[in-house]
Structure formats: structure tokens, C-alpha cells
């Protein structure tokens, strides 16, 4: 079942076709991604450095006290879901390293120095690897995650920094109720300046941004890294959203292969006024 769910022959076939008839296709990031898959096969991250992670040795440890497995990531423990078998932990960790490689279109920041002294809203935290990499830089972290199976791993991972990490078990979206909260509502009684927002919430990014206008308009030194690949027009619509606010912004180089399409992946932005 795992094989059939993750076997995509068409990208390889199309990629080989583009390689064979390469003189007839332009050299740009779109066709370069297809050429990569023609040569190496299907990959969500069609860039050359992906290869080094495919067979990267990963050691999985077990914490008997917490009843959880973990890997050592940059000298820190990164815990996994309780029901993940060892081979899944290894595979997912390799994927996370690939995702946040400096050459990946899915990397959230150019440098973690960008988060120095900021409050981090990690919206769609999952295992928390981004916040873990940023933990020594940031002043405060809010981890937004609703998957109950991630609660124990997140608590274990961030136990050494529990004084500045808070898990928020709510979806971020366009309304406020028992399960959802808007960014403006959450930030109403909190510091509005020096905020970094990382957002990866399965296509609800634009809706959430539309309900963060008070913070984004009035706050100073606000920076964001927002996923733009879940919906077909997200890259354009999210870029236009920041354009209307006067935020400087750009889409990360490269593409992500998502649901049979190559799409722009991350919009990085801040409220430094755009030059005319």
C-alpha cells in the first residue's frame, strides 16, 4: 500500500521526455525540476541536493521515561509520534532535512538570525522542527497544533525550554470558537512588535492572513514565511495580499511537486516598506 500510494511513474516519464528533447525546452526552474525527476525519479523536492538525504544514516533512540522515540537533531532531541515505527521516523526525518535544506524551495528562512529576539508563531507546528532550530534565537514561541498525537512529542521536545514555549491547541483560521482562533484575536493582549509568523496550514493560509490585518497593519518588525502551494492560485493570491499591505515579499527559488503539479512553495515577507 505504501508503494502504490507513493509511486508516481508519470513525473519520471515526462521528465525523461524533457531530457531527450531538451533542446526544445527552455532552461528555467520549471523544466529543470522535470529534468531532475526524469533523471532521479519522483520527488516532492526536485533539486540536486535532495539525493544526499535519501540514504542518510539516521539513528533512532527510545526514551523509556516518556515512552517516545526520538532523533538527535542539531544536538537536540526531536521526538516522534508514539505510534511511528522506526523506519517511518527515519523516512520522515530525512524528508524534514530535505525540506529545510538551504537549497529547498520549502525552507522557511534564509538564516535563523532573522528570528533574533522575536516572538515566533509557529502555525502548523507538527513535530516542531522549525521552532526547535529557532529556539535559541527567539524570545517566545507559540506552537499552534491540533493533532492530539503531537502533544506528547512536542512537550517532550521543548521541555528544556518550557519557560518560553507554549502549545496552542487550536486551528488558526477565520473565526473564534472552541476549536478555531484568528491571529488578531490571539495577539490582542500580546506584544504586537518583533513577531515572526511561520504558516503551513493545508490551504487555509490566505483565510488566516485576512484575519490578521490588525497585527500586520499596526505591528512593527513583522516578518512571515507562508506556504503557497496547497491551492493552485495561492502563490499569486498571497503575494497580492502582501502587496496591498505594502510588505516587501518574494517567492522562494525553486518548486515543490504537489498533487501532480509543480508549484511555488513559500512567500517570505516583512513589513519593510517596498521601494517605489
C-alpha atoms as a PDB file:
ATOM      1  CA  UNK A   1       0.000   0.000   0.000  1.00  0.00           C
ATOM      2  CA  UNK A   2       2.844   2.380   0.856  1.00  0.00           C
ATOM      3  CA  UNK A   3       4.476   1.648  -2.512  1.00  0.00           C
ATOM      4  CA  UNK A   4       1.339   2.278  -4.593  1.00  0.00           C
ATOM      5  CA  UNK A   5       0.450   5.462  -2.718  1.00  0.00           C
ATOM      6  CA  UNK A   6       3.926   6.872  -3.288  1.00  0.00           C
ATOM      7  CA  UNK A   7       4.734   5.585  -6.773  1.00  0.00           C
ATOM      8  CA  UNK A   8       4.368   8.263  -9.428  1.00  0.00           C
ATOM      9  CA  UNK A   9       5.507   6.978 -12.849  1.00  0.00           C
ATOM     10  CA  UNK A  10       4.238   9.989 -14.833  1.00  0.00           C
ATOM     11  CA  UNK A  11       6.768  12.520 -13.460  1.00  0.00           C
ATOM     12  CA  UNK A  12       9.602  10.177 -14.425  1.00  0.00           C
ATOM     13  CA  UNK A  13       8.165   9.604 -17.916  1.00  0.00           C
ATOM     14  CA  UNK A  14       7.551  13.312 -18.510  1.00  0.00           C
ATOM     15  CA  UNK A  15      10.978  14.149 -17.112  1.00  0.00           C
ATOM     16  CA  UNK A  16      12.698  11.666 -19.414  1.00  0.00           C
ATOM     17  CA  UNK A  17      10.775  13.113 -22.367  1.00  0.00           C
ATOM     18  CA  UNK A  18      12.006  16.607 -21.484  1.00  0.00           C
ATOM     19  CA  UNK A  19      15.588  15.351 -21.099  1.00  0.00           C
ATOM     20  CA  UNK A  20      15.505  13.621 -24.505  1.00  0.00           C
ATOM     21  CA  UNK A  21      14.081  16.679 -26.225  1.00  0.00           C
ATOM     22  CA  UNK A  22      15.961  19.139 -24.002  1.00  0.00           C
ATOM     23  CA  UNK A  23      16.964  21.488 -26.877  1.00  0.00           C
ATOM     24  CA  UNK A  24      13.279  22.221 -27.463  1.00  0.00           C
ATOM     25  CA  UNK A  25      12.540  23.231 -23.862  1.00  0.00           C
ATOM     26  CA  UNK A  26      13.769  26.370 -22.078  1.00  0.00           C
ATOM     27  CA  UNK A  27      16.247  26.244 -19.199  1.00  0.00           C
ATOM     28  CA  UNK A  28      14.247  27.513 -16.227  1.00  0.00           C
ATOM     29  CA  UNK A  29      13.284  26.247 -12.779  1.00  0.00           C
ATOM     30  CA  UNK A  30      10.102  24.618 -14.094  1.00  0.00           C
ATOM     31  CA  UNK A  31      11.787  22.463 -16.730  1.00  0.00           C
ATOM     32  CA  UNK A  32      14.844  21.916 -14.535  1.00  0.00           C
ATOM     33  CA  UNK A  33      12.547  20.325 -11.945  1.00  0.00           C
ATOM     34  CA  UNK A  34      11.128  17.977 -14.586  1.00  0.00           C
ATOM     35  CA  UNK A  35      14.637  17.140 -15.772  1.00  0.00           C
ATOM     36  CA  UNK A  36      15.566  16.227 -12.205  1.00  0.00           C
ATOM     37  CA  UNK A  37      12.629  13.820 -11.913  1.00  0.00           C
ATOM     38  CA  UNK A  38      13.404  12.363 -15.325  1.00  0.00           C
ATOM     39  CA  UNK A  39      16.894  11.555 -14.091  1.00  0.00           C
ATOM     40  CA  UNK A  40      16.228  10.621 -10.465  1.00  0.00           C
ATOM     41  CA  UNK A  41      12.525   9.763 -10.267  1.00  0.00           C
ATOM     42  CA  UNK A  42       9.649  11.280  -8.340  1.00  0.00           C
ATOM     43  CA  UNK A  43      10.462  13.736  -5.560  1.00  0.00           C
ATOM     44  CA  UNK A  44       8.468  16.420  -3.762  1.00  0.00           C
ATOM     45  CA  UNK A  45      11.728  18.359  -3.712  1.00  0.00           C
ATOM     46  CA  UNK A  46      13.182  18.208  -7.231  1.00  0.00           C
ATOM     47  CA  UNK A  47      16.615  19.753  -6.664  1.00  0.00           C
ATOM     48  CA  UNK A  48      20.051  18.129  -6.776  1.00  0.00           C
ATOM     49  CA  UNK A  49      20.884  18.277  -3.058  1.00  0.00           C
ATOM     50  CA  UNK A  50      17.862  16.035  -2.362  1.00  0.00           C
ATOM     51  CA  UNK A  51      19.926  12.987  -3.312  1.00  0.00           C
ATOM     52  CA  UNK A  52      22.264  13.235  -0.314  1.00  0.00           C
ATOM     53  CA  UNK A  53      19.352  12.763   2.102  1.00  0.00           C
ATOM     54  CA  UNK A  54      17.817   9.675   0.513  1.00  0.00           C
ATOM     55  CA  UNK A  55      20.121   7.194   2.257  1.00  0.00           C
ATOM     56  CA  UNK A  56      21.386   9.409   5.051  1.00  0.00           C
ATOM     57  CA  UNK A  57      22.082   7.270   8.160  1.00  0.00           C
ATOM     58  CA  UNK A  58      19.582   8.089  10.924  1.00  0.00           C
ATOM     59  CA  UNK A  59      19.761   6.661  14.431  1.00  0.00           C
ATOM     60  CA  UNK A  60      16.517   6.377  16.390  1.00  0.00           C
ATOM     61  CA  UNK A  61      16.651   6.364  20.181  1.00  0.00           C
ATOM     62  CA  UNK A  62      13.992   5.454  22.724  1.00  0.00           C
ATOM     63  CA  UNK A  63      13.156   7.417  25.846  1.00  0.00           C
ATOM     64  CA  UNK A  64      11.792   4.861  28.305  1.00  0.00           C
ATOM     65  CA  UNK A  65      10.691   7.530  30.755  1.00  0.00           C
ATOM     66  CA  UNK A  66       8.464   9.260  28.224  1.00  0.00           C
ATOM     67  CA  UNK A  67       7.661   6.199  26.144  1.00  0.00           C
ATOM     68  CA  UNK A  68       8.650   8.043  22.962  1.00  0.00           C
ATOM     69  CA  UNK A  69      11.245   7.619  20.230  1.00  0.00           C
ATOM     70  CA  UNK A  70      13.445  10.482  19.116  1.00  0.00           C
ATOM     71  CA  UNK A  71      16.329  11.503  16.873  1.00  0.00           C
ATOM     72  CA  UNK A  72      19.164  13.865  17.678  1.00  0.00           C
ATOM     73  CA  UNK A  73      18.751  16.997  15.575  1.00  0.00           C
ATOM     74  CA  UNK A  74      21.481  19.614  15.877  1.00  0.00           C
ATOM     75  CA  UNK A  75      22.391  18.309  19.352  1.00  0.00           C
ATOM     76  CA  UNK A  76      18.747  18.463  20.472  1.00  0.00           C
ATOM     77  CA  UNK A  77      16.141  15.742  20.905  1.00  0.00           C
ATOM     78  CA  UNK A  78      13.330  15.777  18.352  1.00  0.00           C
ATOM     79  CA  UNK A  79      10.569  13.402  19.461  1.00  0.00           C
ATOM     80  CA  UNK A  80       8.235  11.456  17.157  1.00  0.00           C
ATOM     81  CA  UNK A  81       4.646  10.298  17.445  1.00  0.00           C
ATOM     82  CA  UNK A  82       4.179   7.335  19.730  1.00  0.00           C
ATOM     83  CA  UNK A  83       2.852   5.006  17.004  1.00  0.00           C
ATOM     84  CA  UNK A  84       5.580   5.723  14.428  1.00  0.00           C
ATOM     85  CA  UNK A  85       7.721   2.643  13.696  1.00  0.00           C
ATOM     86  CA  UNK A  86      11.450   3.175  13.345  1.00  0.00           C
ATOM     87  CA  UNK A  87      11.514   3.114   9.534  1.00  0.00           C
ATOM     88  CA  UNK A  88       8.825   5.819   9.392  1.00  0.00           C
ATOM     89  CA  UNK A  89      10.754   8.034  11.823  1.00  0.00           C
ATOM     90  CA  UNK A  90      13.879   7.702   9.684  1.00  0.00           C
ATOM     91  CA  UNK A  91      11.988   8.446   6.463  1.00  0.00           C
ATOM     92  CA  UNK A  92      10.176  11.447   7.884  1.00  0.00           C
ATOM     93  CA  UNK A  93      13.317  12.890   9.432  1.00  0.00           C
ATOM     94  CA  UNK A  94      15.158  12.627   6.104  1.00  0.00           C
ATOM     95  CA  UNK A  95      12.193  14.410   4.479  1.00  0.00           C
ATOM     96  CA  UNK A  96      12.363  17.193   7.087  1.00  0.00           C
ATOM     97  CA  UNK A  97      16.079  17.683   6.454  1.00  0.00           C
ATOM     98  CA  UNK A  98      15.413  17.820   2.718  1.00  0.00           C
ATOM     99  CA  UNK A  99      12.552  20.276   3.212  1.00  0.00           C
ATOM    100  CA  UNK A 100      14.694  22.700   5.213  1.00  0.00           C
ATOM    101  CA  UNK A 101      17.886  22.358   3.170  1.00  0.00           C
ATOM    102  CA  UNK A 102      19.313  25.733   2.186  1.00  0.00           C
ATOM    103  CA  UNK A 103      18.558  24.922  -1.473  1.00  0.00           C
ATOM    104  CA  UNK A 104      14.973  23.797  -0.873  1.00  0.00           C
ATOM    105  CA  UNK A 105      12.046  25.931  -2.012  1.00  0.00           C
ATOM    106  CA  UNK A 106      10.326  24.886   1.255  1.00  0.00           C
ATOM    107  CA  UNK A 107      12.949  26.392   3.563  1.00  0.00           C
ATOM    108  CA  UNK A 108      11.238  28.944   5.769  1.00  0.00           C
ATOM    109  CA  UNK A 109      14.147  31.345   6.330  1.00  0.00           C
ATOM    110  CA  UNK A 110      17.419  32.223   4.687  1.00  0.00           C
ATOM    111  CA  UNK A 111      19.038  32.447   8.125  1.00  0.00           C
ATOM    112  CA  UNK A 112      17.759  31.780  11.630  1.00  0.00           C
ATOM    113  CA  UNK A 113      19.366  35.067  12.656  1.00  0.00           C
ATOM    114  CA  UNK A 114      16.217  36.641  11.204  1.00  0.00           C
ATOM    115  CA  UNK A 115      14.367  35.422  14.313  1.00  0.00           C
ATOM    116  CA  UNK A 116      16.702  37.026  16.845  1.00  0.00           C
ATOM    117  CA  UNK A 117      14.654  38.420  19.745  1.00  0.00           C
ATOM    118  CA  UNK A 118      11.314  37.814  18.037  1.00  0.00           C
ATOM    119  CA  UNK A 119       8.094  36.166  19.144  1.00  0.00           C
ATOM    120  CA  UNK A 120       7.525  33.134  16.912  1.00  0.00           C
ATOM    121  CA  UNK A 121       4.057  31.991  15.928  1.00  0.00           C
ATOM    122  CA  UNK A 122       4.659  28.505  14.521  1.00  0.00           C
ATOM    123  CA  UNK A 123       1.276  27.918  12.898  1.00  0.00           C
ATOM    124  CA  UNK A 124       1.012  24.285  11.850  1.00  0.00           C
ATOM    125  CA  UNK A 125       3.866  23.160  14.084  1.00  0.00           C
ATOM    126  CA  UNK A 126       3.562  19.351  13.607  1.00  0.00           C
ATOM    127  CA  UNK A 127       6.791  17.868  15.056  1.00  0.00           C
ATOM    128  CA  UNK A 128       8.191  21.356  15.758  1.00  0.00           C
ATOM    129  CA  UNK A 129      11.499  21.128  13.884  1.00  0.00           C
ATOM    130  CA  UNK A 130      11.369  24.746  12.699  1.00  0.00           C
ATOM    131  CA  UNK A 131      10.800  26.096  16.212  1.00  0.00           C
ATOM    132  CA  UNK A 132      13.499  23.768  17.535  1.00  0.00           C
ATOM    133  CA  UNK A 133      16.023  25.208  15.080  1.00  0.00           C
ATOM    134  CA  UNK A 134      14.955  28.725  16.073  1.00  0.00           C
ATOM    135  CA  UNK A 135      14.667  28.149  19.824  1.00  0.00           C
ATOM    136  CA  UNK A 136      17.995  29.742  20.777  1.00  0.00           C
ATOM    137  CA  UNK A 137      17.186  32.872  18.771  1.00  0.00           C
ATOM    138  CA  UNK A 138      13.602  33.664  19.692  1.00  0.00           C
ATOM    139  CA  UNK A 139      12.199  35.368  22.768  1.00  0.00           C
ATOM    140  CA  UNK A 140       8.939  33.410  22.883  1.00  0.00           C
ATOM    141  CA  UNK A 141       7.333  30.576  20.891  1.00  0.00           C
ATOM    142  CA  UNK A 142       3.675  29.720  20.360  1.00  0.00           C
ATOM    143  CA  UNK A 143       3.211  26.310  18.758  1.00  0.00           C
ATOM    144  CA  UNK A 144      -0.175  26.007  17.059  1.00  0.00           C
ATOM    145  CA  UNK A 145      -1.016  22.330  16.624  1.00  0.00           C
ATOM    146  CA  UNK A 146      -4.304  20.433  16.971  1.00  0.00           C
ATOM    147  CA  UNK A 147      -3.209  16.865  16.314  1.00  0.00           C
ATOM    148  CA  UNK A 148      -3.533  15.161  19.704  1.00  0.00           C
ATOM    149  CA  UNK A 149      -0.814  12.674  18.770  1.00  0.00           C
ATOM    150  CA  UNK A 150       1.710  15.528  18.545  1.00  0.00           C
ATOM    151  CA  UNK A 151       1.022  16.870  22.043  1.00  0.00           C
ATOM    152  CA  UNK A 152       3.272  14.479  23.986  1.00  0.00           C
ATOM    153  CA  UNK A 153       6.160  14.657  21.451  1.00  0.00           C
ATOM    154  CA  UNK A 154       6.038  18.466  21.390  1.00  0.00           C
ATOM    155  CA  UNK A 155       6.009  18.676  25.168  1.00  0.00           C
ATOM    156  CA  UNK A 156       8.981  16.299  25.319  1.00  0.00           C
ATOM    157  CA  UNK A 157      10.959  18.111  22.612  1.00  0.00           C
ATOM    158  CA  UNK A 158      10.532  21.540  24.170  1.00  0.00           C
ATOM    159  CA  UNK A 159      10.772  20.526  27.819  1.00  0.00           C
ATOM    160  CA  UNK A 160      14.225  22.182  28.171  1.00  0.00           C
ATOM    161  CA  UNK A 161      12.668  25.473  27.016  1.00  0.00           C
ATOM    162  CA  UNK A 162       9.241  25.163  28.624  1.00  0.00           C
ATOM    163  CA  UNK A 163       9.639  28.622  30.154  1.00  0.00           C
ATOM    164  CA  UNK A 164       9.337  30.246  26.723  1.00  0.00           C
ATOM    165  CA  UNK A 165       7.295  27.728  24.711  1.00  0.00           C
ATOM    166  CA  UNK A 166       3.508  27.473  24.763  1.00  0.00           C
ATOM    167  CA  UNK A 167       1.440  24.925  22.833  1.00  0.00           C
ATOM    168  CA  UNK A 168      -1.830  26.323  21.492  1.00  0.00           C
ATOM    169  CA  UNK A 169      -4.241  23.502  20.686  1.00  0.00           C
ATOM    170  CA  UNK A 170      -6.386  25.419  18.191  1.00  0.00           C
ATOM    171  CA  UNK A 171      -6.719  25.753  14.452  1.00  0.00           C
ATOM    172  CA  UNK A 172      -5.828  29.174  13.100  1.00  0.00           C
ATOM    173  CA  UNK A 173      -8.426  30.454  10.669  1.00  0.00           C
ATOM    174  CA  UNK A 174     -11.189  32.984  10.116  1.00  0.00           C
ATOM    175  CA  UNK A 175     -13.291  32.692  13.262  1.00  0.00           C
ATOM    176  CA  UNK A 176     -13.084  32.254  17.035  1.00  0.00           C
ATOM    177  CA  UNK A 177     -14.699  29.325  18.847  1.00  0.00           C
ATOM    178  CA  UNK A 178     -13.738  26.242  20.848  1.00  0.00           C
ATOM    179  CA  UNK A 179     -11.577  24.881  18.031  1.00  0.00           C
ATOM    180  CA  UNK A 180     -10.526  27.931  15.995  1.00  0.00           C
ATOM    181  CA  UNK A 181      -8.862  31.244  16.659  1.00  0.00           C
ATOM    182  CA  UNK A 182      -7.820  34.175  14.482  1.00  0.00           C
ATOM    183  CA  UNK A 183      -4.342  35.645  14.665  1.00  0.00           C
ATOM    184  CA  UNK A 184      -5.690  39.077  15.582  1.00  0.00           C
ATOM    185  CA  UNK A 185      -7.749  37.628  18.398  1.00  0.00           C
ATOM    186  CA  UNK A 186      -4.828  35.600  19.743  1.00  0.00           C
ATOM    187  CA  UNK A 187      -2.435  38.558  19.614  1.00  0.00           C
ATOM    188  CA  UNK A 188      -4.887  41.106  21.029  1.00  0.00           C
ATOM    189  CA  UNK A 189      -3.340  41.187  24.519  1.00  0.00           C
ATOM    190  CA  UNK A 190       0.225  40.359  23.441  1.00  0.00           C
ATOM    191  CA  UNK A 191       3.230  42.267  22.176  1.00  0.00           C
ATOM    192  CA  UNK A 192       2.485  43.423  18.617  1.00  0.00           C
ATOM    193  CA  UNK A 193       6.064  44.133  17.568  1.00  0.00           C
ATOM    194  CA  UNK A 194       9.005  41.896  16.657  1.00  0.00           C
ATOM    195  CA  UNK A 195       6.871  38.967  15.516  1.00  0.00           C
ATOM    196  CA  UNK A 196       7.740  36.164  13.099  1.00  0.00           C
ATOM    197  CA  UNK A 197       4.919  34.054  11.685  1.00  0.00           C
ATOM    198  CA  UNK A 198       5.580  30.692  10.030  1.00  0.00           C
ATOM    199  CA  UNK A 199       2.392  29.336   8.456  1.00  0.00           C
ATOM    200  CA  UNK A 200       1.808  25.883   6.958  1.00  0.00           C
ATOM    201  CA  UNK A 201      -1.871  25.022   7.411  1.00  0.00           C
ATOM    202  CA  UNK A 202      -3.012  22.980   4.432  1.00  0.00           C
ATOM    203  CA  UNK A 203      -4.555  25.711   2.283  1.00  0.00           C
ATOM    204  CA  UNK A 204      -6.048  27.954   4.969  1.00  0.00           C
ATOM    205  CA  UNK A 205      -3.149  30.396   4.835  1.00  0.00           C
ATOM    206  CA  UNK A 206      -4.956  33.180   2.970  1.00  0.00           C
ATOM    207  CA  UNK A 207      -8.041  32.984   5.174  1.00  0.00           C
ATOM    208  CA  UNK A 208      -5.844  33.240   8.253  1.00  0.00           C
ATOM    209  CA  UNK A 209      -3.900  36.179   6.832  1.00  0.00           C
ATOM    210  CA  UNK A 210      -7.137  38.021   6.110  1.00  0.00           C
ATOM    211  CA  UNK A 211      -7.902  37.742   9.817  1.00  0.00           C
ATOM    212  CA  UNK A 212      -4.503  39.047  10.890  1.00  0.00           C
ATOM    213  CA  UNK A 213      -4.741  42.501   9.317  1.00  0.00           C
ATOM    214  CA  UNK A 214      -4.743  44.367  12.615  1.00  0.00           C
ATOM    215  CA  UNK A 215      -1.404  42.855  13.627  1.00  0.00           C
ATOM    216  CA  UNK A 216       0.052  43.105  10.135  1.00  0.00           C
ATOM    217  CA  UNK A 217      -1.027  46.727   9.762  1.00  0.00           C
ATOM    218  CA  UNK A 218      -0.108  48.086  13.185  1.00  0.00           C
ATOM    219  CA  UNK A 219       2.777  45.902  14.311  1.00  0.00           C
ATOM    220  CA  UNK A 220       6.396  46.865  13.753  1.00  0.00           C
ATOM    221  CA  UNK A 221       9.140  44.488  12.613  1.00  0.00           C
ATOM    222  CA  UNK A 222       6.738  41.785  11.447  1.00  0.00           C
ATOM    223  CA  UNK A 223       8.075  39.000   9.217  1.00  0.00           C
ATOM    224  CA  UNK A 224       6.318  35.982   7.754  1.00  0.00           C
ATOM    225  CA  UNK A 225       7.056  32.773   5.911  1.00  0.00           C
ATOM    226  CA  UNK A 226       3.845  31.433   4.386  1.00  0.00           C
ATOM    227  CA  UNK A 227       3.216  28.282   2.351  1.00  0.00           C
ATOM    228  CA  UNK A 228       1.794  28.967  -1.105  1.00  0.00           C
ATOM    229  CA  UNK A 229       1.422  25.521  -2.689  1.00  0.00           C
ATOM    230  CA  UNK A 230      -1.690  23.951  -1.162  1.00  0.00           C
ATOM    231  CA  UNK A 231      -4.096  25.705  -3.546  1.00  0.00           C
ATOM    232  CA  UNK A 232      -3.499  26.372  -7.237  1.00  0.00           C
ATOM    233  CA  UNK A 233      -3.623  30.178  -7.008  1.00  0.00           C
ATOM    234  CA  UNK A 234      -2.142  30.654  -3.544  1.00  0.00           C
ATOM    235  CA  UNK A 235       1.217  31.964  -4.763  1.00  0.00           C
ATOM    236  CA  UNK A 236      -0.493  34.740  -6.717  1.00  0.00           C
ATOM    237  CA  UNK A 237      -3.208  35.495  -4.157  1.00  0.00           C
ATOM    238  CA  UNK A 238      -0.914  35.538  -1.133  1.00  0.00           C
ATOM    239  CA  UNK A 239       1.625  37.690  -2.959  1.00  0.00           C
ATOM    240  CA  UNK A 240      -1.162  40.109  -3.887  1.00  0.00           C
ATOM    241  CA  UNK A 241      -2.315  40.173  -0.256  1.00  0.00           C
ATOM    242  CA  UNK A 242       1.098  41.344   0.929  1.00  0.00           C
ATOM    243  CA  UNK A 243       1.293  43.765  -1.989  1.00  0.00           C
ATOM    244  CA  UNK A 244      -1.839  45.541  -0.754  1.00  0.00           C
ATOM    245  CA  UNK A 245      -0.325  45.861   2.734  1.00  0.00           C
ATOM    246  CA  UNK A 246       2.865  47.377   1.365  1.00  0.00           C
ATOM    247  CA  UNK A 247       5.022  44.481   2.599  1.00  0.00           C
ATOM    248  CA  UNK A 248       8.218  43.596   0.779  1.00  0.00           C
ATOM    249  CA  UNK A 249       7.918  39.982  -0.336  1.00  0.00           C
ATOM    250  CA  UNK A 250       9.292  37.305  -2.628  1.00  0.00           C
ATOM    251  CA  UNK A 251       8.654  33.674  -3.531  1.00  0.00           C
ATOM    252  CA  UNK A 252      11.485  31.292  -2.717  1.00  0.00           C
ATOM    253  CA  UNK A 253      13.502  29.963  -5.668  1.00  0.00           C
ATOM    254  CA  UNK A 254      12.571  26.509  -6.900  1.00  0.00           C
ATOM    255  CA  UNK A 255       9.381  24.467  -6.964  1.00  0.00           C
ATOM    256  CA  UNK A 256       7.570  21.794  -4.984  1.00  0.00           C
ATOM    257  CA  UNK A 257       5.883  18.832  -6.659  1.00  0.00           C
ATOM    258  CA  UNK A 258       2.455  18.699  -5.017  1.00  0.00           C
ATOM    259  CA  UNK A 259      -0.584  16.729  -6.161  1.00  0.00           C
ATOM    260  CA  UNK A 260       0.839  16.232  -9.685  1.00  0.00           C
ATOM    261  CA  UNK A 261       1.726  19.924 -10.055  1.00  0.00           C
ATOM    262  CA  UNK A 262       4.916  21.934  -9.699  1.00  0.00           C
ATOM    263  CA  UNK A 263       4.145  24.967  -7.548  1.00  0.00           C
ATOM    264  CA  UNK A 264       5.884  27.882  -5.874  1.00  0.00           C
ATOM    265  CA  UNK A 265       6.300  26.958  -2.254  1.00  0.00           C
ATOM    266  CA  UNK A 266       6.959  29.757   0.242  1.00  0.00           C
ATOM    267  CA  UNK A 267       6.328  33.502   0.316  1.00  0.00           C
ATOM    268  CA  UNK A 268       8.819  35.265   2.583  1.00  0.00           C
ATOM    269  CA  UNK A 269       7.858  38.756   3.597  1.00  0.00           C
ATOM    270  CA  UNK A 270       8.242  41.565   6.119  1.00  0.00           C
ATOM    271  CA  UNK A 271       6.741  44.980   6.696  1.00  0.00           C
ATOM    272  CA  UNK A 272       9.715  46.939   5.496  1.00  0.00           C
ATOM    273  CA  UNK A 273       8.017  49.278   3.055  1.00  0.00           C
ATOM    274  CA  UNK A 274       8.600  48.418  -0.580  1.00  0.00           C
ATOM    275  CA  UNK A 275      10.704  50.850  -2.553  1.00  0.00           C
ATOM    276  CA  UNK A 276       8.791  52.736  -5.222  1.00  0.00           C
END
